[in-house]
Structures are given as structure tokens and as C-alpha cells.
Amino acid sequence: MEGSGVYVSTNAGATWSKDNGSGSSALPSSSVGRIALAIAPSSPTTLWAGIANSSSGNLLGLYKTTNGGSSWTQNTAIVDYCTPQCWYDNVIAVDPGNASVVYVGGSADNGTLFQSLNGGTSWNNVSSGNNLIELHCDHHALAFSATGGTLFVGNDGGVWSTTTPASAALNWTNLNASLAVTEFYPGMSIAPNDPNLAYAGTQDNGVQQYAGTVDWNYSWCGDAGYTPMDYTVTSTVYASCVEYDVEKSTESGLLGTWYSIDSGISSSDRRQFIPPLIIDPVSHLTLYYGTYRIYQTTNAGTSWATISSDLTGGGSDTITAIGVAPNNNKVIYVGTSTGTVQMTSNAGSGATWKSVNTGLPNQSITQVVVSPTSSSTVYATFSGFPSGTGQHIYQSTNSGPTWTDVSKDLPDTPVNDFVIDPTYQDTLYAATDIGVFYTTNSGSTWTTLVSGLPNVVVLALKMYAPTRTLWAATHGRSVWSISVSSVD
């Protein structure tokens, strides 16, 4: 990216200048992506820069300077510690009292955390401690205590520490017993008549099962999103795992009971990192899966067939949301990563689709939700920041030819999930990047619903109808619930 590199300010940020070195001692100038930067507190002219390749996501190089950036040297002793996700997990830290003690962390291809005790001349893989406690992968944070006596490690699995960071023979302590920091994705499901049975997908911690206690149980997959549950036979659950991996369990999601059900789904389709997977609200053996086209199974995943051509705008565009009308399951709406909405009123083999997105913003659609009583009333929610205020929730009452922005006074922030109250159709709930909001007048005015909820991104929202309890799955602070029986 043009202008990428390391910059320095010597006047408290009033002005900045490039600090990339020059000639053969300069940092790379092309294919430069994310840069992780760390300074040695005991030697402020010693810095480390871990640079991602903007094209591949691999490590472009780990570089060190001992003269404040006048010249840089590539460290060739380190393995590609963050490949292929250097854009996502890439972190460096230097012991505050000893510039020779350096840690770099990343993803799992070649180990997850590396230590050098000699300023980078050699490196040790310390992902597993001498006490056999292993770190989770995908590291994002490294922090030394003020004296350097303790190192804390933050990753997709939580937080760990060691009290001997300057020793090659270190032990790890898992600090997650009382932390609720799981990063949940969209697609949570709750059994229709059992609030003690729920599933939700997570970042790097797979499908998690709720069984009525604070502790959720790991069920399957690495990264997982949508977890539709068979509402007729609740011991059957499905999962959309990373890429085109679709899984099923008929034994309440118990570890070891899952098996792949992707027969008929093309692995070459362009798709979301975790594609949408939903169950038909009328026919429990029918499910839908979205790539750039829609797949349907009518036999609970035994086989899949396409029921559409490309429903996106081409290029890298993908399907991001699928909504089936509860009162007429032949009506399906599909949303894409560029704001396109397509619908069909004859879902199945031979389905005909039409574009119904006139007037919608060119932003990624996070959900399409159909009214439980009218297949012509549908809501589309949007991520991103369209030009102008609002523009994050749109309603159509005529199957899509016209849309009305019902964001109104909702904060100008991405909306990630959406619930129509099954009892009061004018009462709507929106999961946003800054919490949960609700309206009792179809979107004319919105009110915050964050009592007790952390200030965190909410990616999934579901209601347990029998008790009118709203569940919010967050990306980093686990799952929360609130009674909305007084909201009407």
C-alpha cells in the first residue's frame, strides 16, 4: 500500500517522518501490509517490525533496527511465525529490562509463539510450556509487567501468563477460568422449548454448546458460525464451519459425533469465510447454504443441489445472508456483500430469482429477516458506514421493489443481526457494534437495551419466545441474556 512503513515523531506527534532506512538497509517498499511494531524500553533506539505481505498474508519479513530506524536488518533466523494470517495475528514485545529478550506471536502454521533470548540470533518455539500447558493460537497481545518478571499473552483462546519469560524453560498458566471473552460469530440457535440447549459458532473455538450452566462446552470445528438446530428433533444440529465445511450431529452435538455433509457443494465457489447456513422454518429437513449461489438440501444434508445461478454482482461478491419466510417457505430473500438483494417466490428446483435492491446502499448486508406473518415484509441490515447518517436497517412491505430506511435515530454504526418480536410485530431488536437497541414503533424511534451488557460488538441476536428472553452473542465478551417481557 502506498505510504506504508514506519514513521517517527520527535515532537509528540505534531509532525511525522518516514523511518524506513535507506538503500540496502531499508524496509521493504512494496507488498507492505500490516506492520507490528515494538520498541525495547531499555534501549529506545532498538525496534522490531514484523511486516505482513499485503498480497498473500504471509510474513514479508521480521526486521530490527538498533539505531532508531536509520538502518534495518532482516532477521532470517525466525520462521514465518504469522503465515498465512499476518494481517490478523502479528504481535511483538520486548522485555522492558532486557533488550535481548524478544517475543513474536502469530498463527498456527509453524508454531504460535517464539522467544529469543539473544536479540534474535536464535528463536525457541514456546507455544507449549515445560508443564505441558499449551497456548491457544492466533496471538494478538503480548504485555510484560513493569519489571519484566511476568509476560501475559492474549489470543483467540483468552489469556495466559508466565513468570519466567527470560528463561528457555518456562511454564504457562491458563488465566481463563473466570474470563468470559469468547468471540462469537453470527448464527446462534436456541431450542424452541428448552432454554438450556443452545449452540453458537466462535472464532477459533468452534461450535460451543450451552447446556444450562455458565460454562459452555466445545463441540466441533475450529472456526464456526451458523448453527441451525432441527426444531422438531433438537438432538440434530448443523454447523457452517470455515470455508465450505458443513457439519452435522444427530447426537446433541457431542464431541466426536459430527460428520461432513457437503455432498454436492462445490469447493471452488467463492464464499464468505464462514458462509450462511439456515434451516427452513416450515420444513425441518430443508436447509439453505450460500456461496455466490444458493444450495438447497431437502433430505437433511444427505445431498445438496443449486437452486440459483450467481446471485451476486460477480467479482469477489458473495452471499452474506439468507432469509426464508416463515408463513410461506417458497419465498426466500438473499443478501450479498455489496448490498444486492435477490428474492424468489418458488424456492426449489427451477426457482426464478429477481433483483429487489433499488435504493439500498452499496454495503455488505448482514441479515435479511422476513416477517413471521407476511412474506412481503422483509428487513435488510447493513454493515459498514454508508454515506450519510443511518442507512443500516431497511424495510420493504412489498417484497422488495421499494425500501424504507427505518434506522431513524439509531446510532450510525453497523447492524449485525435483527429480531422481529414474535408477539409484537412493531417491536424490533437490532444487534450493533455498540450494543443492542429496540423500537416499539417499527423503527420510528430507537432505544438502547444495554442494561448490564458490556460495551462490545454484538454479532448474533436470538429470542427465546416462551419467556421472551433475548440472547446476545458478542465478539469478545461471550453471551448475555435479558428479559424483554416489559418491552411492548
Protein backbone atom coordinates (compact mmCIF):
# COMPACT_ATOMS: atom_id res chain seq x y z
CA MET A 1 0.00 0.00 0.00
CA GLU A 2 1.34 3.43 -0.92
CA GLY A 3 2.79 5.26 2.06
CA SER A 4 3.13 2.11 4.18
CA GLY A 5 6.08 1.92 6.50
CA VAL A 6 7.37 3.02 9.89
CA TYR A 7 7.05 6.67 10.89
CA VAL A 8 8.67 8.62 13.74
CA SER A 9 7.74 11.82 15.53
CA THR A 10 10.20 13.74 17.71
CA ASN A 11 7.74 16.43 18.78
CA ALA A 12 4.98 14.45 20.50
CA GLY A 13 3.12 13.75 17.27
CA ALA A 14 2.95 17.26 15.84
CA THR A 15 4.80 16.07 12.73
CA TRP A 16 5.87 12.69 11.41
CA SER A 17 8.54 11.46 9.01
CA LYS A 18 9.30 8.08 7.47
CA ASP A 19 11.78 5.98 9.41
CA ASN A 20 12.30 3.18 6.90
CA GLY A 21 16.08 3.42 6.47
CA SER A 22 17.69 3.67 3.05
CA GLY A 23 19.41 1.62 0.38
CA SER A 24 20.14 -1.99 1.26
CA SER A 25 19.29 -1.24 4.90
CA ALA A 26 15.76 -0.08 4.19
CA LEU A 27 12.47 -1.74 4.99
CA PRO A 28 10.55 -3.22 2.01
CA SER A 29 8.68 -0.69 -0.09
CA SER A 30 6.30 -2.99 -1.97
CA SER A 31 3.68 -5.54 -0.91
CA VAL A 32 3.75 -3.97 2.54
CA GLY A 33 0.71 -4.84 4.63
CA ARG A 34 0.12 -4.71 8.36
CA ILE A 35 3.19 -3.82 10.44
CA ALA A 36 3.57 -4.95 14.06
CA LEU A 37 5.98 -2.63 15.86
CA ALA A 38 7.74 -2.99 19.22
CA ILE A 39 10.36 -0.88 21.00
CA ALA A 40 12.87 -2.03 23.59
CA PRO A 41 12.12 0.13 26.66
CA SER A 42 15.66 -0.26 27.99
CA SER A 43 17.13 0.67 24.60
CA PRO A 44 14.76 3.09 22.82
CA THR A 45 16.74 3.05 19.59
CA THR A 46 16.13 -0.71 19.28
CA LEU A 47 12.90 -1.55 17.48
CA TRP A 48 11.35 -4.57 15.78
CA ALA A 49 8.94 -4.53 12.83
CA GLY A 50 7.00 -7.60 11.68
CA ILE A 51 5.64 -6.89 8.19
CA ALA A 52 2.80 -8.75 6.50
CA ASN A 53 2.75 -9.34 2.75
CA SER A 54 -0.28 -7.39 1.56
CA SER A 55 -0.87 -9.82 -1.31
CA SER A 56 -0.51 -13.22 0.35
CA GLY A 57 -0.99 -12.59 4.06
CA ASN A 58 2.35 -14.32 4.70
CA LEU A 59 5.26 -12.80 6.57
CA LEU A 60 7.14 -10.38 4.33
CA GLY A 61 9.87 -10.17 6.95
CA LEU A 62 10.83 -9.52 10.56
CA TYR A 63 13.19 -6.52 10.80
CA LYS A 64 15.30 -4.97 13.57
CA THR A 65 16.98 -1.60 13.98
CA THR A 66 19.41 -0.60 16.73
CA ASN A 67 19.80 3.00 15.61
CA GLY A 68 16.25 4.28 15.71
CA GLY A 69 15.38 3.36 12.14
CA SER A 70 18.36 4.77 10.26
CA SER A 71 19.04 1.23 9.09
CA TRP A 72 17.10 -2.02 9.35
CA THR A 73 18.26 -5.64 9.16
CA GLN A 74 16.03 -8.56 8.28
CA ASN A 75 16.04 -11.38 10.82
CA THR A 76 16.47 -14.59 8.86
CA ALA A 77 16.58 -16.90 11.88
CA ILE A 78 12.85 -16.67 12.58
CA VAL A 79 10.31 -18.94 10.88
CA ASP A 80 7.17 -17.48 9.31
CA TYR A 81 5.52 -17.07 12.69
CA CYS A 82 2.31 -15.43 11.45
CA THR A 83 1.87 -17.03 7.99
CA PRO A 84 -0.70 -17.08 6.45
CA GLN A 85 -2.58 -14.64 8.71
CA CYS A 86 -0.06 -11.86 9.33
CA TRP A 87 -2.84 -9.36 8.58
CA TYR A 88 -4.76 -10.78 11.57
CA ASP A 89 -2.37 -12.15 14.20
CA ASN A 90 1.03 -10.50 14.35
CA VAL A 91 2.46 -9.18 17.60
CA ILE A 92 5.91 -8.41 19.07
CA ALA A 93 7.10 -7.49 22.58
CA VAL A 94 10.49 -6.78 24.16
CA ASP A 95 11.36 -7.32 27.82
CA PRO A 96 11.35 -3.86 29.48
CA GLY A 97 14.63 -4.52 31.26
CA ASN A 98 16.49 -6.65 28.73
CA ALA A 99 16.51 -5.75 25.05
CA SER A 100 17.80 -9.22 24.19
CA VAL A 101 14.57 -10.92 25.29
CA VAL A 102 12.05 -10.73 22.45
CA TYR A 103 8.73 -12.49 21.74
CA VAL A 104 6.84 -12.72 18.46
CA GLY A 105 3.40 -14.29 18.12
CA GLY A 106 1.13 -15.24 15.26
CA SER A 107 -0.84 -18.12 13.79
CA ALA A 108 -0.54 -21.88 13.89
CA ASP A 109 1.16 -22.96 10.69
CA ASN A 110 4.68 -23.07 12.14
CA GLY A 111 4.00 -22.72 15.86
CA THR A 112 2.30 -19.83 17.58
CA LEU A 113 4.74 -18.07 19.92
CA PHE A 114 8.50 -17.70 19.61
CA GLN A 115 11.09 -16.44 22.07
CA SER A 116 14.60 -15.13 21.56
CA LEU A 117 16.99 -14.67 24.49
CA ASN A 118 19.82 -13.29 22.38
CA GLY A 119 18.33 -10.41 20.45
CA GLY A 120 17.07 -12.53 17.56
CA THR A 121 20.16 -14.64 16.82
CA SER A 122 18.11 -17.76 17.58
CA TRP A 123 14.49 -18.49 18.43
CA ASN A 124 12.63 -21.03 20.59
CA ASN A 125 9.10 -22.23 19.96
CA VAL A 126 7.48 -21.72 23.37
CA SER A 127 3.89 -22.49 22.37
CA SER A 128 3.95 -25.39 24.83
CA GLY A 129 5.32 -24.93 28.32
CA ASN A 130 7.52 -27.33 30.27
CA ASN A 131 4.43 -28.05 32.37
CA LEU A 132 2.72 -29.28 29.15
CA ILE A 133 0.20 -26.43 29.17
CA GLU A 134 -0.21 -25.29 25.56
CA LEU A 135 -1.14 -21.84 24.35
CA HIS A 136 -4.05 -21.27 22.02
CA CYS A 137 -3.10 -19.99 18.57
CA ASP A 138 -3.74 -16.64 16.87
CA HIS A 139 -1.92 -14.21 19.15
CA HIS A 140 -2.92 -10.55 19.32
CA ALA A 141 -1.39 -9.16 22.50
CA LEU A 142 1.85 -9.50 24.45
CA ALA A 143 2.42 -7.47 27.62
CA PHE A 144 5.26 -7.55 30.14
CA SER A 145 4.80 -6.44 33.71
CA ALA A 146 6.70 -3.27 34.60
CA THR A 147 9.72 -5.20 35.85
CA GLY A 148 9.62 -7.81 33.10
CA GLY A 149 9.02 -10.56 35.63
CA THR A 150 5.73 -11.67 34.07
CA LEU A 151 4.63 -11.95 30.45
CA PHE A 152 0.93 -12.01 29.55
CA VAL A 153 -0.23 -13.48 26.24
CA GLY A 154 -3.62 -12.70 24.67
CA ASN A 155 -5.02 -14.75 21.79
CA ASP A 156 -8.21 -16.14 20.34
CA GLY A 157 -8.41 -18.54 23.30
CA GLY A 158 -8.02 -15.98 26.06
CA VAL A 159 -5.11 -15.04 28.33
CA TRP A 160 -2.04 -16.94 29.60
CA SER A 161 0.98 -15.88 31.64
CA THR A 162 4.48 -16.98 32.57
CA THR A 163 6.62 -15.74 35.45
CA THR A 164 9.91 -16.78 33.80
CA PRO A 165 9.83 -15.02 30.41
CA ALA A 166 13.64 -14.69 30.32
CA SER A 167 14.12 -18.45 30.69
CA ALA A 168 14.08 -21.03 27.92
CA ALA A 169 12.41 -23.45 30.33
CA LEU A 170 9.17 -21.65 31.05
CA ASN A 171 5.74 -22.76 32.26
CA TRP A 172 2.38 -21.34 31.24
CA THR A 173 -0.59 -20.54 33.47
CA ASN A 174 -4.08 -20.50 31.99
CA LEU A 175 -5.89 -17.41 33.31
CA ASN A 176 -9.27 -18.06 31.67
CA ALA A 177 -11.18 -19.75 34.49
CA SER A 178 -13.19 -16.63 35.33
CA LEU A 179 -12.97 -14.85 32.00
CA ALA A 180 -15.87 -14.67 29.54
CA VAL A 181 -14.03 -13.48 26.44
CA THR A 182 -15.12 -15.91 23.70
CA GLU A 183 -15.51 -14.31 20.27
CA PHE A 184 -18.90 -15.43 18.97
CA TYR A 185 -20.00 -15.22 15.33
CA PRO A 186 -23.48 -14.81 13.79
CA GLY A 187 -25.78 -17.82 13.67
CA MET A 188 -26.70 -18.70 17.26
CA SER A 189 -29.60 -21.13 17.79
CA ILE A 190 -31.79 -21.93 20.80
CA ALA A 191 -34.04 -24.97 21.14
CA PRO A 192 -37.65 -23.79 20.74
CA ASN A 193 -38.85 -25.31 24.02
CA ASP A 194 -35.66 -25.67 26.05
CA PRO A 195 -33.71 -22.58 27.14
CA ASN A 196 -30.96 -24.88 28.41
CA LEU A 197 -29.97 -26.05 24.94
CA ALA A 198 -28.27 -23.67 22.55
CA TYR A 199 -25.42 -23.61 20.05
CA ALA A 200 -23.24 -20.85 18.68
CA GLY A 201 -20.16 -20.67 16.49
CA THR A 202 -17.00 -18.87 17.52
CA GLN A 203 -13.69 -17.57 16.26
CA ASP A 204 -11.13 -20.34 16.67
CA ASN A 205 -13.09 -22.09 19.42
CA GLY A 206 -15.51 -23.94 17.18
CA VAL A 207 -19.14 -24.72 17.88
CA GLN A 208 -19.98 -24.10 21.53
CA GLN A 209 -22.92 -25.82 23.23
CA TYR A 210 -24.89 -24.29 26.08
CA ALA A 211 -26.41 -26.80 28.49
CA GLY A 212 -27.77 -24.55 31.22
CA THR A 213 -24.57 -23.66 33.07
CA VAL A 214 -22.21 -20.72 32.78
CA ASP A 215 -19.57 -22.94 31.20
CA TRP A 216 -20.20 -23.68 27.53
CA ASN A 217 -18.86 -26.91 26.02
CA TYR A 218 -16.64 -27.19 22.94
CA SER A 219 -18.49 -29.25 20.36
CA TRP A 220 -16.71 -29.22 16.97
CA CYS A 221 -14.76 -27.29 14.29
CA GLY A 222 -12.08 -24.62 14.60
CA ASP A 223 -13.84 -21.52 13.28
CA ALA A 224 -17.61 -21.87 13.15
CA GLY A 225 -20.59 -19.63 12.50
CA TYR A 226 -24.18 -20.62 11.80
CA THR A 227 -25.52 -23.49 13.93
CA PRO A 228 -29.09 -24.24 12.82
CA MET A 229 -30.87 -26.71 15.06
CA ASP A 230 -33.65 -29.05 13.96
CA TYR A 231 -36.65 -27.58 15.79
CA THR A 232 -38.54 -30.88 15.50
CA VAL A 233 -35.71 -33.19 16.62
CA THR A 234 -33.48 -30.94 18.72
CA SER A 235 -30.77 -33.58 19.07
CA THR A 236 -29.92 -32.80 15.42
CA VAL A 237 -27.75 -29.77 14.85
CA TYR A 238 -25.81 -28.43 11.86
CA ALA A 239 -22.79 -26.14 11.60
CA SER A 240 -21.24 -23.95 8.95
CA CYS A 241 -17.53 -24.18 9.63
CA VAL A 242 -14.74 -22.36 7.85
CA GLU A 243 -14.88 -22.23 4.03
CA TYR A 244 -17.14 -24.99 2.56
CA ASP A 245 -17.14 -27.31 5.58
CA VAL A 246 -20.76 -28.14 6.51
CA GLU A 247 -21.14 -30.47 9.51
CA LYS A 248 -23.97 -32.34 11.22
CA SER A 249 -24.55 -34.14 14.51
CA THR A 250 -27.61 -36.21 15.41
CA GLU A 251 -26.40 -36.72 18.99
CA SER A 252 -26.87 -33.27 20.51
CA GLY A 253 -23.58 -32.01 19.15
CA LEU A 254 -21.44 -34.20 21.37
CA LEU A 255 -17.74 -34.10 20.57
CA GLY A 256 -16.93 -36.90 18.14
CA THR A 257 -20.47 -37.21 16.75
CA TRP A 258 -20.10 -34.74 13.89
CA TYR A 259 -19.70 -35.67 10.24
CA SER A 260 -19.38 -33.77 6.97
CA ILE A 261 -22.49 -33.20 4.81
CA ASP A 262 -21.12 -31.22 1.88
CA SER A 263 -22.01 -33.63 -0.93
CA GLY A 264 -22.96 -31.54 -3.96
CA ILE A 265 -21.42 -28.28 -2.68
CA SER A 266 -18.57 -27.08 -4.90
CA SER A 267 -15.37 -26.35 -3.01
CA SER A 268 -14.34 -23.91 -5.74
CA ASP A 269 -17.24 -21.50 -5.15
CA ARG A 270 -16.25 -18.09 -3.84
CA ARG A 271 -17.78 -17.68 -0.41
CA GLN A 272 -17.60 -15.92 2.92
CA PHE A 273 -15.03 -17.06 5.48
CA ILE A 274 -17.96 -18.73 7.22
CA PRO A 275 -20.91 -18.93 4.77
CA PRO A 276 -24.54 -18.54 5.87
CA LEU A 277 -26.42 -21.77 6.64
CA ILE A 278 -30.07 -21.71 7.72
CA ILE A 279 -32.86 -24.20 8.29
CA ASP A 280 -36.26 -23.83 6.66
CA PRO A 281 -38.76 -22.63 9.32
CA VAL A 282 -41.51 -24.85 7.87
CA SER A 283 -39.77 -27.98 6.58
CA HIS A 284 -37.19 -29.18 9.11
CA LEU A 285 -35.38 -31.42 6.60
CA THR A 286 -34.70 -28.47 4.28
CA LEU A 287 -31.68 -26.23 4.68
CA TYR A 288 -30.07 -23.49 2.59
CA TYR A 289 -26.39 -22.64 2.15
CA GLY A 290 -24.96 -19.61 0.38
CA THR A 291 -21.74 -19.08 -1.59
CA TYR A 292 -22.25 -16.87 -4.65
CA ARG A 293 -25.29 -19.06 -5.36
CA ILE A 294 -27.83 -20.87 -3.19
CA TYR A 295 -27.67 -24.56 -2.36
CA GLN A 296 -30.68 -26.43 -1.02
CA THR A 297 -30.99 -29.79 0.70
CA THR A 298 -34.38 -31.40 1.23
CA ASN A 299 -33.03 -34.52 2.95
CA ALA A 300 -31.28 -33.04 5.99
CA GLY A 301 -27.93 -32.67 4.29
CA THR A 302 -27.55 -36.04 2.60
CA SER A 303 -27.22 -34.21 -0.71
CA TRP A 304 -27.26 -30.61 -1.93
CA ALA A 305 -28.31 -29.04 -5.23
CA THR A 306 -28.06 -25.49 -6.54
CA ILE A 307 -31.34 -23.62 -6.92
CA SER A 308 -29.87 -20.44 -8.35
CA SER A 309 -27.20 -19.10 -10.64
CA ASP A 310 -24.87 -16.32 -9.47
CA LEU A 311 -26.97 -14.02 -7.28
CA THR A 312 -24.16 -11.55 -6.65
CA GLY A 313 -22.53 -8.82 -8.67
CA GLY A 314 -19.63 -11.05 -9.63
CA GLY A 315 -16.01 -10.28 -8.84
CA SER A 316 -15.38 -11.12 -5.20
CA ASP A 317 -19.01 -10.56 -4.18
CA THR A 318 -20.56 -13.33 -2.04
CA ILE A 319 -23.84 -14.19 -0.36
CA THR A 320 -23.89 -12.96 3.23
CA ALA A 321 -27.46 -13.56 4.38
CA ILE A 322 -30.44 -15.81 3.65
CA GLY A 323 -34.00 -15.34 4.90
CA VAL A 324 -36.93 -17.73 4.41
CA ALA A 325 -40.47 -16.51 5.00
CA PRO A 326 -41.97 -18.39 7.99
CA ASN A 327 -45.52 -18.18 6.63
CA ASN A 328 -44.55 -19.17 3.06
CA ASN A 329 -41.30 -21.10 2.73
CA LYS A 330 -41.32 -20.76 -1.04
CA VAL A 331 -40.32 -17.13 -0.54
CA ILE A 332 -36.61 -16.57 0.05
CA TYR A 333 -34.59 -13.37 0.19
CA VAL A 334 -30.80 -13.32 -0.23
CA GLY A 335 -28.38 -10.53 0.66
CA THR A 336 -24.81 -10.06 -0.59
CA SER A 337 -21.56 -8.36 0.35
CA THR A 338 -22.26 -5.43 -1.99
CA GLY A 339 -25.83 -4.64 -0.99
CA THR A 340 -27.67 -6.71 -3.58
CA VAL A 341 -30.95 -8.35 -2.55
CA GLN A 342 -32.46 -11.14 -4.64
CA MET A 343 -35.72 -12.95 -3.98
CA THR A 344 -37.69 -15.91 -5.25
CA SER A 345 -41.27 -16.94 -4.62
CA ASN A 346 -40.83 -20.51 -5.90
CA ALA A 347 -37.84 -21.84 -3.97
CA GLY A 348 -36.60 -25.22 -5.12
CA SER A 349 -35.62 -26.77 -8.41
CA GLY A 350 -36.42 -24.31 -11.17
CA ALA A 351 -36.60 -21.31 -8.84
CA THR A 352 -36.69 -17.94 -10.54
CA TRP A 353 -34.92 -15.01 -8.91
CA LYS A 354 -35.19 -11.27 -9.31
CA SER A 355 -33.20 -8.32 -8.01
CA VAL A 356 -35.09 -6.22 -5.45
CA ASN A 357 -32.44 -3.85 -4.13
CA THR A 358 -33.38 -0.49 -5.69
CA GLY A 359 -32.47 2.29 -3.29
CA LEU A 360 -30.38 0.17 -0.92
CA PRO A 361 -26.82 1.25 -0.01
CA ASN A 362 -23.85 -0.46 -1.62
CA GLN A 363 -22.74 -2.02 1.65
CA SER A 364 -22.46 -5.55 2.96
CA ILE A 365 -25.79 -6.99 4.08
CA THR A 366 -25.54 -8.74 7.43
CA GLN A 367 -29.06 -10.20 7.69
CA VAL A 368 -32.33 -10.44 5.81
CA VAL A 369 -35.24 -11.17 8.14
CA VAL A 370 -38.78 -11.90 6.93
CA SER A 371 -41.88 -11.09 8.97
CA PRO A 372 -43.41 -14.21 10.58
CA THR A 373 -46.86 -13.16 9.35
CA SER A 374 -46.23 -11.64 5.91
CA SER A 375 -43.81 -12.90 3.28
CA SER A 376 -43.87 -9.48 1.60
CA THR A 377 -42.47 -7.69 4.66
CA VAL A 378 -38.71 -8.05 4.94
CA TYR A 379 -35.87 -6.24 6.67
CA ALA A 380 -32.27 -5.90 5.47
CA THR A 381 -29.49 -4.86 7.83
CA PHE A 382 -26.16 -3.39 6.80
CA SER A 383 -22.58 -3.26 7.98
CA GLY A 384 -20.13 -0.51 7.08
CA PHE A 385 -20.76 3.23 7.07
CA PRO A 386 -22.81 4.31 4.04
CA SER A 387 -22.64 7.96 3.05
CA GLY A 388 -24.94 9.97 5.26
CA THR A 389 -26.40 9.00 8.62
CA GLY A 390 -28.46 5.93 9.35
CA GLN A 391 -28.88 3.58 6.40
CA HIS A 392 -28.32 0.46 8.46
CA ILE A 393 -31.85 -1.02 8.59
CA TYR A 394 -34.26 -1.03 5.67
CA GLN A 395 -37.81 -2.34 5.48
CA SER A 396 -39.83 -3.41 2.45
CA THR A 397 -43.53 -4.18 2.68
CA ASN A 398 -43.97 -5.14 -0.98
CA SER A 399 -41.41 -7.93 -1.39
CA GLY A 400 -38.55 -5.61 -2.25
CA PRO A 401 -39.36 -3.21 -5.12
CA THR A 402 -39.28 -0.33 -2.62
CA TRP A 403 -37.44 0.06 0.66
CA THR A 404 -37.69 2.49 3.56
CA ASP A 405 -34.80 3.38 5.86
CA VAL A 406 -36.03 2.66 9.39
CA SER A 407 -32.71 3.40 11.08
CA LYS A 408 -34.03 6.87 12.10
CA ASP A 409 -32.29 7.82 15.38
CA LEU A 410 -30.37 4.56 15.67
CA PRO A 411 -26.66 5.36 16.17
CA ASP A 412 -24.68 5.42 12.92
CA THR A 413 -22.98 2.07 13.45
CA PRO A 414 -23.04 -1.33 11.72
CA VAL A 415 -26.06 -3.55 12.45
CA ASN A 416 -25.13 -7.23 12.63
CA ASP A 417 -28.33 -9.09 13.49
CA PHE A 418 -32.03 -8.41 13.75
CA VAL A 419 -35.04 -9.89 15.55
CA ILE A 420 -38.75 -9.28 14.99
CA ASP A 421 -40.65 -9.77 18.22
CA PRO A 422 -42.93 -12.79 17.65
CA THR A 423 -45.62 -11.27 19.89
CA TYR A 424 -45.50 -7.60 18.91
CA GLN A 425 -44.71 -7.14 15.22
CA ASP A 426 -43.86 -3.45 15.61
CA THR A 427 -41.21 -4.28 18.19
CA LEU A 428 -37.81 -4.85 16.61
CA TYR A 429 -34.37 -5.54 18.06
CA ALA A 430 -31.03 -4.69 16.46
CA ALA A 431 -27.58 -6.02 17.36
CA THR A 432 -24.93 -3.41 16.58
CA ASP A 433 -21.24 -2.74 17.00
CA ILE A 434 -22.05 -0.79 20.18
CA GLY A 435 -24.72 -2.98 21.77
CA VAL A 436 -28.42 -3.78 21.36
CA PHE A 437 -31.25 -1.36 20.53
CA TYR A 438 -35.01 -1.77 20.21
CA THR A 439 -38.02 0.01 18.79
CA THR A 440 -41.70 -0.46 19.58
CA ASN A 441 -42.95 1.58 16.60
CA SER A 442 -41.40 -0.19 13.61
CA GLY A 443 -38.28 1.94 13.66
CA SER A 444 -39.61 5.47 14.09
CA THR A 445 -37.58 5.75 17.31
CA TRP A 446 -34.92 3.50 18.83
CA THR A 447 -33.93 2.97 22.47
CA THR A 448 -30.82 1.38 23.93
CA LEU A 449 -31.15 -2.05 25.52
CA VAL A 450 -27.72 -2.40 27.08
CA SER A 451 -28.53 -2.68 30.77
CA GLY A 452 -25.66 -4.77 32.11
CA LEU A 453 -24.32 -5.52 28.64
CA PRO A 454 -20.60 -4.81 28.07
CA ASN A 455 -19.61 -2.15 25.56
CA VAL A 456 -18.84 -4.66 22.84
CA VAL A 457 -19.76 -5.74 19.32
CA VAL A 458 -22.88 -7.94 19.26
CA LEU A 459 -22.89 -10.28 16.25
CA ALA A 460 -25.85 -12.56 17.00
CA LEU A 461 -29.27 -11.93 18.48
CA LYS A 462 -31.96 -14.53 19.16
CA MET A 463 -35.16 -14.59 21.17
CA TYR A 464 -36.38 -17.49 23.29
CA ALA A 465 -40.07 -16.93 22.60
CA PRO A 466 -41.75 -18.79 25.51
CA THR A 467 -40.27 -16.41 28.10
CA ARG A 468 -39.48 -13.51 25.76
CA THR A 469 -35.80 -13.67 26.67
CA LEU A 470 -33.37 -12.02 24.26
CA TRP A 471 -29.90 -13.55 23.88
CA ALA A 472 -26.95 -11.52 22.60
CA ALA A 473 -23.75 -13.22 21.42
CA THR A 474 -20.79 -10.85 21.46
CA HIS A 475 -17.45 -10.90 19.70
CA GLY A 476 -15.19 -10.98 22.72
CA ARG A 477 -17.41 -10.97 25.83
CA SER A 478 -19.39 -14.21 25.49
CA VAL A 479 -23.23 -14.45 25.54
CA TRP A 480 -25.72 -12.41 27.56
CA SER A 481 -29.49 -12.51 28.02
CA ILE A 482 -32.22 -10.13 29.14
CA SER A 483 -35.97 -10.43 29.69
CA VAL A 484 -37.89 -8.19 27.31
CA SER A 485 -41.34 -9.08 28.68
CA SER A 486 -41.86 -5.42 29.58
CA VAL A 487 -40.91 -4.19 26.11
CA ASP A 488 -44.09 -3.85 24.03
